[in-house]
Amino acid sequence: MKNLKKIFKIAPLLALAFGGSAQALTINFTYDPAMDARALAGFQAAANNWSAVLHDDVKVNLNIGFSLLGPNILGSTSSSQGRVSYDDYRNALMADAWGATDQAAVGGLSKNSCLNVYMNGTGVNPNGRGSATPFLDSNCNANNQTIMLTSANARAVGLLDAYNPLVDGAVSFSSAYNWDFDPSNGINSNAIDFVGVATHEIGHALGFVSGVDVLDANRSGNYSDVAFTYIAPADLFRCSSDSKAAGADIDWSADNRTKSFSFDNCDTTLATFSTGVTYGDGRQASHWKDNLGIGILDPTAAYGERMEISAMDLKMYDAIGWNVVPEPGTFALLGFGLFGLFGARRRKA
């Protein structure tokens, strides 16, 4: 059997800072001592953005780089990942839940050990081998009862030791592009926000990924449903009106239908996701829907644009097991200014 293409290599993107507390996420970098000092400071500023709002007593280890990459490559990111049972992940979330947001998220999850998954493609699609038409996969195979999460996310919910020396991911940026390393005075119109891009990329390592990207790259009749053991934590909150009507717990299809972020299986929609490079909207599913101003995990950035973590970003991280302080719903009251920062965009090369 051919190997599935693992598409957890995320295209770059995105910035913020406010006061922290005595307990907070620590991000440890390993890098070439000769790295450009501006890039190193930019990576540290991005790490500080997350430490300011994620208050889990864990250490995340990342390799970082800043050098010439291939033609038209802005940067690349990868993350260490592992599999656990859905039961184990849900139980870990329940034990970790303390605020209204994560309690609402956990409360909406299926109580069964096996997820009912709305998906398409695969060699067992009753609509035809490899068919684009989604079907309800409820046979309780490995893909229905397995969660694949980043090691950083596993640390946050206690499924991996908080200080295990494992490397949690790698982020590299090309030195060939014109970067603005200081967002404090705005971003130059001919430059890209380095701190913002680094904040976005670290965000993927922390757990905002989607296994739909794997299905999107392999949506054929060559693989059984059991091969797709790539449901990510964020996918547990991915649904559609069609998946709900079919009796599914999640919509894990690779197609261009609207996929929503929801804590109650699409009775209420909080935001929308991108749907896939190949069969979706042209953007990796491991992002918010493009150009809607949802948050820092938007799939594109513009020259001259400073981008910041939003309350919706934090709602997602709260849902997948990070401890967000203060709760996402309180940011507007505290005046941290997390909204309205997405202007007109120019696509990256």
Protein backbone atom coordinates (compact mmCIF):
# COMPACT_ATOMS: atom_id res chain seq x y z
CA MET A 1 0.00 0.00 0.00
CA LYS A 2 1.19 3.49 -0.77
CA ASN A 3 2.04 5.73 2.15
CA LEU A 4 -0.38 8.54 2.88
CA LYS A 5 1.03 11.99 2.36
CA LYS A 6 1.14 13.69 5.75
CA ILE A 7 0.22 17.30 5.09
CA PHE A 8 0.97 19.01 8.38
CA LYS A 9 3.39 21.45 6.78
CA ILE A 10 1.63 24.75 7.16
CA ALA A 11 1.96 27.85 5.00
CA PRO A 12 3.13 30.88 7.01
CA LEU A 13 1.24 33.59 8.75
CA LEU A 14 1.07 36.02 12.03
CA ALA A 15 1.01 39.14 16.56
CA LEU A 16 0.15 40.51 20.06
CA ALA A 17 1.23 40.98 23.65
CA PHE A 18 -0.28 41.62 27.02
CA GLY A 19 0.56 40.92 30.65
CA GLY A 20 1.19 37.40 31.89
CA SER A 21 1.04 35.64 35.22
CA ALA A 22 3.28 33.57 37.45
CA GLN A 23 2.35 30.38 35.56
CA ALA A 24 2.58 30.41 31.78
CA LEU A 25 3.66 28.43 28.75
CA THR A 26 7.42 28.44 28.16
CA ILE A 27 8.72 28.06 24.61
CA ASN A 28 12.34 26.93 24.35
CA PHE A 29 14.19 27.52 21.07
CA THR A 30 17.16 25.64 19.60
CA TYR A 31 18.93 27.56 16.83
CA ASP A 32 22.19 28.23 15.03
CA PRO A 33 24.23 30.65 17.16
CA ALA A 34 24.91 32.61 13.96
CA MET A 35 21.20 33.35 13.40
CA ASP A 36 20.38 36.95 12.52
CA ALA A 37 19.77 38.71 15.85
CA ARG A 38 16.66 40.42 14.48
CA ALA A 39 15.10 37.08 13.54
CA LEU A 40 15.94 35.56 16.91
CA ALA A 41 14.34 38.52 18.69
CA GLY A 42 11.31 38.16 16.42
CA PHE A 43 10.89 34.50 17.30
CA GLN A 44 11.14 35.36 20.99
CA ALA A 45 8.52 38.09 20.65
CA ALA A 46 6.21 35.55 18.97
CA ALA A 47 6.78 33.09 21.81
CA ASN A 48 5.99 35.83 24.30
CA ASN A 49 2.69 36.46 22.52
CA TRP A 50 1.58 32.92 23.31
CA SER A 51 3.05 32.82 26.81
CA ALA A 52 1.06 35.95 27.64
CA VAL A 53 -2.26 34.19 27.07
CA LEU A 54 -1.67 30.43 27.50
CA HIS A 55 -1.10 29.69 31.17
CA ASP A 56 -0.21 26.02 31.22
CA ASP A 57 2.88 25.03 33.18
CA VAL A 58 4.56 23.28 30.24
CA LYS A 59 7.67 23.77 28.14
CA VAL A 60 7.46 23.48 24.35
CA ASN A 61 10.70 22.83 22.45
CA LEU A 62 11.07 24.19 18.92
CA ASN A 63 13.91 24.23 16.43
CA ILE A 64 14.01 27.54 14.54
CA GLY A 65 15.92 28.69 11.48
CA PHE A 66 16.43 31.76 9.30
CA SER A 67 18.35 31.17 6.08
CA LEU A 68 18.01 30.93 2.31
CA LEU A 69 15.36 28.40 1.36
CA GLY A 70 14.19 27.22 -2.05
CA PRO A 71 12.68 29.52 -4.70
CA ASN A 72 9.30 31.03 -3.74
CA ILE A 73 9.42 29.45 -0.26
CA LEU A 74 8.59 31.94 2.47
CA GLY A 75 8.96 29.44 5.28
CA SER A 76 8.11 25.97 6.49
CA THR A 77 6.76 24.43 9.67
CA SER A 78 6.47 20.89 11.00
CA SER A 79 5.29 19.53 14.33
CA SER A 80 5.79 16.32 16.30
CA GLN A 81 2.54 14.39 16.58
CA GLY A 82 1.22 11.27 18.22
CA ARG A 83 -1.98 9.24 18.48
CA VAL A 84 -4.20 8.58 21.49
CA SER A 85 -7.67 7.11 21.79
CA TYR A 86 -10.61 9.47 21.54
CA ASP A 87 -11.65 8.34 25.03
CA ASP A 88 -8.25 9.23 26.48
CA TYR A 89 -8.22 12.63 24.81
CA ARG A 90 -11.79 13.49 25.84
CA ASN A 91 -11.09 12.38 29.42
CA ALA A 92 -7.95 14.53 29.49
CA LEU A 93 -9.96 17.52 28.24
CA MET A 94 -12.60 16.93 30.90
CA ALA A 95 -9.97 16.77 33.64
CA ASP A 96 -8.32 19.95 32.34
CA ALA A 97 -11.50 22.01 31.80
CA TRP A 98 -11.92 24.87 34.27
CA GLY A 99 -13.52 27.83 32.47
CA ALA A 100 -16.81 28.37 30.67
CA THR A 101 -15.31 28.00 27.19
CA ASP A 102 -13.56 24.68 27.64
CA GLN A 103 -16.47 23.31 29.67
CA ALA A 104 -18.84 24.20 26.83
CA ALA A 105 -16.48 22.58 24.33
CA VAL A 106 -16.16 19.37 26.33
CA GLY A 107 -19.89 19.31 27.00
CA GLY A 108 -20.64 19.16 23.28
CA LEU A 109 -18.33 16.23 22.51
CA SER A 110 -19.70 12.79 21.77
CA LYS A 111 -19.90 10.58 24.86
CA ASN A 112 -19.29 7.44 22.79
CA SER A 113 -15.88 5.85 22.36
CA CYS A 114 -16.25 5.93 18.57
CA LEU A 115 -16.97 9.04 16.54
CA ASN A 116 -19.50 9.11 13.71
CA VAL A 117 -17.47 10.71 10.93
CA TYR A 118 -18.84 12.39 7.81
CA MET A 119 -16.15 11.90 5.15
CA ASN A 120 -15.63 11.26 1.47
CA GLY A 121 -13.14 9.58 -0.83
CA THR A 122 -11.73 6.22 0.43
CA GLY A 123 -12.14 2.76 -1.02
CA VAL A 124 -15.19 1.96 1.11
CA ASN A 125 -17.39 4.90 0.17
CA PRO A 126 -20.87 3.43 -0.48
CA ASN A 127 -21.38 6.12 -3.13
CA GLY A 128 -18.57 4.60 -5.17
CA ARG A 129 -14.88 3.92 -4.68
CA GLY A 130 -13.17 7.26 -4.06
CA SER A 131 -16.46 9.18 -4.53
CA ALA A 132 -16.55 12.88 -3.69
CA THR A 133 -19.98 12.40 -2.12
CA PRO A 134 -19.69 12.23 1.67
CA PHE A 135 -20.93 9.27 3.66
CA LEU A 136 -21.44 8.49 7.34
CA ASP A 137 -18.55 6.39 8.60
CA SER A 138 -19.85 4.83 11.83
CA ASN A 139 -18.16 1.41 11.76
CA CYS A 140 -15.93 2.10 14.80
CA ASN A 141 -12.70 1.33 12.98
CA ALA A 142 -9.40 2.81 14.14
CA ASN A 143 -10.09 6.13 12.43
CA ASN A 144 -13.32 6.54 14.42
CA GLN A 145 -11.63 6.16 17.78
CA THR A 146 -8.22 7.77 17.29
CA ILE A 147 -7.05 11.35 17.79
CA MET A 148 -3.77 12.61 16.34
CA LEU A 149 -2.47 15.65 18.19
CA THR A 150 0.70 17.67 18.36
CA SER A 151 3.04 16.86 21.22
CA ALA A 152 2.68 20.43 22.49
CA ASN A 153 -1.09 19.97 22.70
CA ALA A 154 -0.52 16.65 24.46
CA ARG A 155 1.57 18.45 27.08
CA ALA A 156 -1.22 20.97 27.66
CA VAL A 157 -3.76 18.27 28.57
CA GLY A 158 -1.38 16.06 30.54
CA LEU A 159 -0.97 13.28 27.97
CA LEU A 160 2.76 14.01 27.69
CA ASP A 161 5.05 15.09 30.48
CA ALA A 162 5.15 18.88 30.65
CA TYR A 163 8.96 18.98 30.60
CA ASN A 164 9.75 15.99 28.39
CA PRO A 165 12.81 16.94 26.24
CA LEU A 166 11.05 15.87 23.03
CA VAL A 167 11.33 18.41 20.21
CA ASP A 168 7.79 19.60 19.48
CA GLY A 169 8.39 21.09 16.06
CA ALA A 170 10.50 23.16 13.70
CA VAL A 171 9.95 26.56 12.09
CA SER A 172 12.21 27.98 9.37
CA PHE A 173 11.88 31.25 7.44
CA SER A 174 13.62 32.40 4.30
CA SER A 175 16.07 35.26 4.66
CA ALA A 176 15.42 36.17 1.01
CA TYR A 177 12.23 38.10 1.81
CA ASN A 178 11.80 41.62 3.08
CA TRP A 179 10.72 41.22 6.71
CA ASP A 180 9.68 43.87 9.19
CA PHE A 181 11.02 42.70 12.55
CA ASP A 182 9.42 45.43 14.67
CA PRO A 183 5.59 45.53 14.61
CA SER A 184 5.40 48.13 17.38
CA ASN A 185 5.40 51.02 14.90
CA GLY A 186 3.37 49.28 12.21
CA ILE A 187 4.51 47.12 9.29
CA ASN A 188 6.25 48.69 6.29
CA SER A 189 4.09 48.55 3.16
CA ASN A 190 6.74 46.56 1.28
CA ALA A 191 7.49 44.12 4.11
CA ILE A 192 5.98 41.10 5.88
CA ASP A 193 5.38 41.02 9.62
CA PHE A 194 8.04 38.60 10.94
CA VAL A 195 6.70 38.43 14.49
CA GLY A 196 3.20 37.88 13.16
CA VAL A 197 4.28 35.06 10.84
CA ALA A 198 6.23 33.40 13.65
CA THR A 199 3.25 33.70 16.01
CA HIS A 200 1.05 32.00 13.41
CA GLU A 201 3.50 29.17 12.82
CA ILE A 202 4.05 28.49 16.51
CA GLY A 203 0.26 28.37 16.78
CA HIS A 204 0.21 25.33 14.50
CA ALA A 205 2.76 23.52 16.65
CA LEU A 206 0.59 24.31 19.69
CA GLY A 207 -2.25 22.35 18.13
CA PHE A 208 -4.28 24.22 15.50
CA VAL A 209 -4.05 21.58 12.76
CA SER A 210 -6.58 19.52 10.82
CA GLY A 211 -6.30 15.97 9.57
CA VAL A 212 -8.60 16.93 6.71
CA ASP A 213 -5.42 18.09 4.97
CA VAL A 214 -4.28 14.44 4.88
CA LEU A 215 -7.59 13.31 3.38
CA ASP A 216 -7.49 16.23 0.92
CA ALA A 217 -4.09 15.05 -0.35
CA ASN A 218 -5.16 11.41 -0.57
CA ARG A 219 -8.85 11.51 -1.51
CA SER A 220 -8.92 8.55 -3.84
CA GLY A 221 -10.15 4.99 -3.82
CA ASN A 222 -6.72 3.67 -2.89
CA TYR A 223 -7.22 3.69 0.87
CA SER A 224 -9.79 2.31 3.25
CA ASP A 225 -11.35 4.59 5.85
CA VAL A 226 -9.25 2.86 8.51
CA ALA A 227 -6.09 4.39 6.99
CA PHE A 228 -7.19 7.90 7.98
CA THR A 229 -6.31 7.97 11.68
CA TYR A 230 -5.63 11.71 11.49
CA ILE A 231 -8.57 13.35 13.26
CA ALA A 232 -7.05 16.30 15.13
CA PRO A 233 -8.38 18.01 18.27
CA ALA A 234 -9.65 21.00 16.27
CA ASP A 235 -11.54 18.60 13.99
CA LEU A 236 -13.75 17.60 16.92
CA PHE A 237 -15.38 21.02 16.56
CA ARG A 238 -15.65 20.91 12.74
CA CYS A 239 -19.16 20.36 11.43
CA SER A 240 -21.66 21.31 8.73
CA SER A 241 -25.43 21.32 8.31
CA ASP A 242 -25.01 18.21 6.13
CA SER A 243 -22.97 16.30 8.70
CA LYS A 244 -25.43 17.17 11.44
CA ALA A 245 -28.36 15.99 9.32
CA ALA A 246 -26.52 12.73 8.63
CA GLY A 247 -26.10 12.05 12.35
CA ALA A 248 -22.33 12.62 12.34
CA ASP A 249 -20.28 14.03 15.20
CA ILE A 250 -17.87 15.84 12.86
CA ASP A 251 -17.57 16.80 9.19
CA TRP A 252 -14.22 15.45 8.04
CA SER A 253 -14.81 15.70 4.30
CA ALA A 254 -12.39 17.12 1.76
CA ASP A 255 -14.62 19.31 -0.38
CA ASN A 256 -15.71 22.92 -0.75
CA ARG A 257 -18.84 22.89 1.42
CA THR A 258 -18.85 25.28 4.40
CA LYS A 259 -17.25 23.78 7.53
CA SER A 260 -17.98 25.51 10.81
CA PHE A 261 -16.32 25.83 14.21
CA SER A 262 -18.97 24.88 16.76
CA PHE A 263 -19.29 23.53 20.30
CA ASP A 264 -22.78 22.07 19.75
CA ASN A 265 -22.46 20.24 16.42
CA CYS A 266 -23.54 23.21 14.34
CA ASP A 267 -26.59 24.29 16.30
CA THR A 268 -24.46 27.42 16.82
CA THR A 269 -21.67 28.53 14.50
CA LEU A 270 -18.71 30.41 15.98
CA ALA A 271 -16.54 30.75 12.86
CA THR A 272 -15.69 28.93 9.62
CA PHE A 273 -12.67 26.91 8.50
CA SER A 274 -10.71 26.68 5.28
CA THR A 275 -11.53 23.46 3.45
CA GLY A 276 -8.42 22.15 1.66
CA VAL A 277 -5.87 22.94 -1.03
CA THR A 278 -6.85 20.29 -3.58
CA TYR A 279 -10.60 19.71 -3.27
CA GLY A 280 -11.61 22.64 -1.08
CA ASP A 281 -11.20 26.39 -1.28
CA GLY A 282 -7.47 26.30 -2.11
CA ARG A 283 -6.35 26.86 1.49
CA GLN A 284 -5.20 24.24 3.96
CA ALA A 285 -7.94 23.03 6.27
CA SER A 286 -5.66 23.76 9.25
CA HIS A 287 -6.76 27.41 9.16
CA TRP A 288 -9.72 29.71 9.55
CA LYS A 289 -11.57 30.66 6.37
CA ASP A 290 -9.46 33.11 4.36
CA ASN A 291 -9.95 36.89 4.52
CA LEU A 292 -12.78 36.95 7.06
CA GLY A 293 -10.78 38.53 9.86
CA ILE A 294 -11.33 35.57 12.16
CA GLY A 295 -7.89 35.35 13.68
CA ILE A 296 -4.18 34.80 13.45
CA LEU A 297 -4.64 31.33 11.94
CA ASP A 298 -5.94 32.89 8.71
CA PRO A 299 -4.13 31.19 5.78
CA THR A 300 -2.78 34.33 4.07
CA ALA A 301 -0.96 37.51 5.00
CA ALA A 302 -0.46 40.80 3.18
CA TYR A 303 2.51 43.08 2.82
CA GLY A 304 2.20 45.90 5.28
CA GLU A 305 -0.23 44.00 7.49
CA ARG A 306 0.21 43.54 11.21
CA MET A 307 -1.84 40.60 12.43
CA GLU A 308 -2.72 39.69 16.00
CA ILE A 309 -4.18 36.85 18.04
CA SER A 310 -7.96 37.19 18.27
CA ALA A 311 -10.53 36.12 20.82
CA MET A 312 -11.68 33.43 18.37
CA ASP A 313 -8.15 32.02 18.17
CA LEU A 314 -8.10 31.79 21.94
CA LYS A 315 -11.52 30.16 22.00
CA MET A 316 -10.08 27.40 19.82
CA TYR A 317 -6.99 26.94 21.96
CA ASP A 318 -9.16 26.87 25.07
CA ALA A 319 -11.34 24.19 23.45
CA ILE A 320 -8.43 21.89 22.53
CA GLY A 321 -6.99 21.97 26.03
CA TRP A 322 -4.89 25.06 26.67
CA ASN A 323 -5.64 27.21 29.68
CA VAL A 324 -6.47 30.67 28.39
CA VAL A 325 -6.28 33.45 30.97
CA PRO A 326 -8.39 35.48 31.00
CA GLU A 327 -11.25 33.59 29.41
CA PRO A 328 -11.75 34.56 25.70
CA GLY A 329 -15.11 36.16 26.41
CA THR A 330 -13.54 38.69 28.76
CA PHE A 331 -11.05 40.26 26.38
CA ALA A 332 -13.40 42.91 25.01
CA LEU A 333 -14.24 44.01 28.53
CA LEU A 334 -10.59 44.32 29.48
CA GLY A 335 -9.78 46.41 26.43
CA PHE A 336 -7.02 44.26 24.93
CA GLY A 337 -8.07 45.28 21.40
CA LEU A 338 -8.05 41.94 19.60
CA PHE A 339 -10.43 42.71 16.75
CA GLY A 340 -10.64 44.49 13.41
CA LEU A 341 -7.03 44.03 12.34
CA PHE A 342 -7.49 42.43 8.94
CA GLY A 343 -7.23 44.91 6.07
CA ALA A 344 -7.04 44.47 2.32
CA ARG A 345 -4.66 41.70 1.33
CA ARG A 346 -2.16 40.95 -1.35
CA ARG A 347 -1.41 37.27 -1.84
CA LYS A 348 2.05 35.96 -1.10
CA ALA A 349 4.05 34.47 -3.91
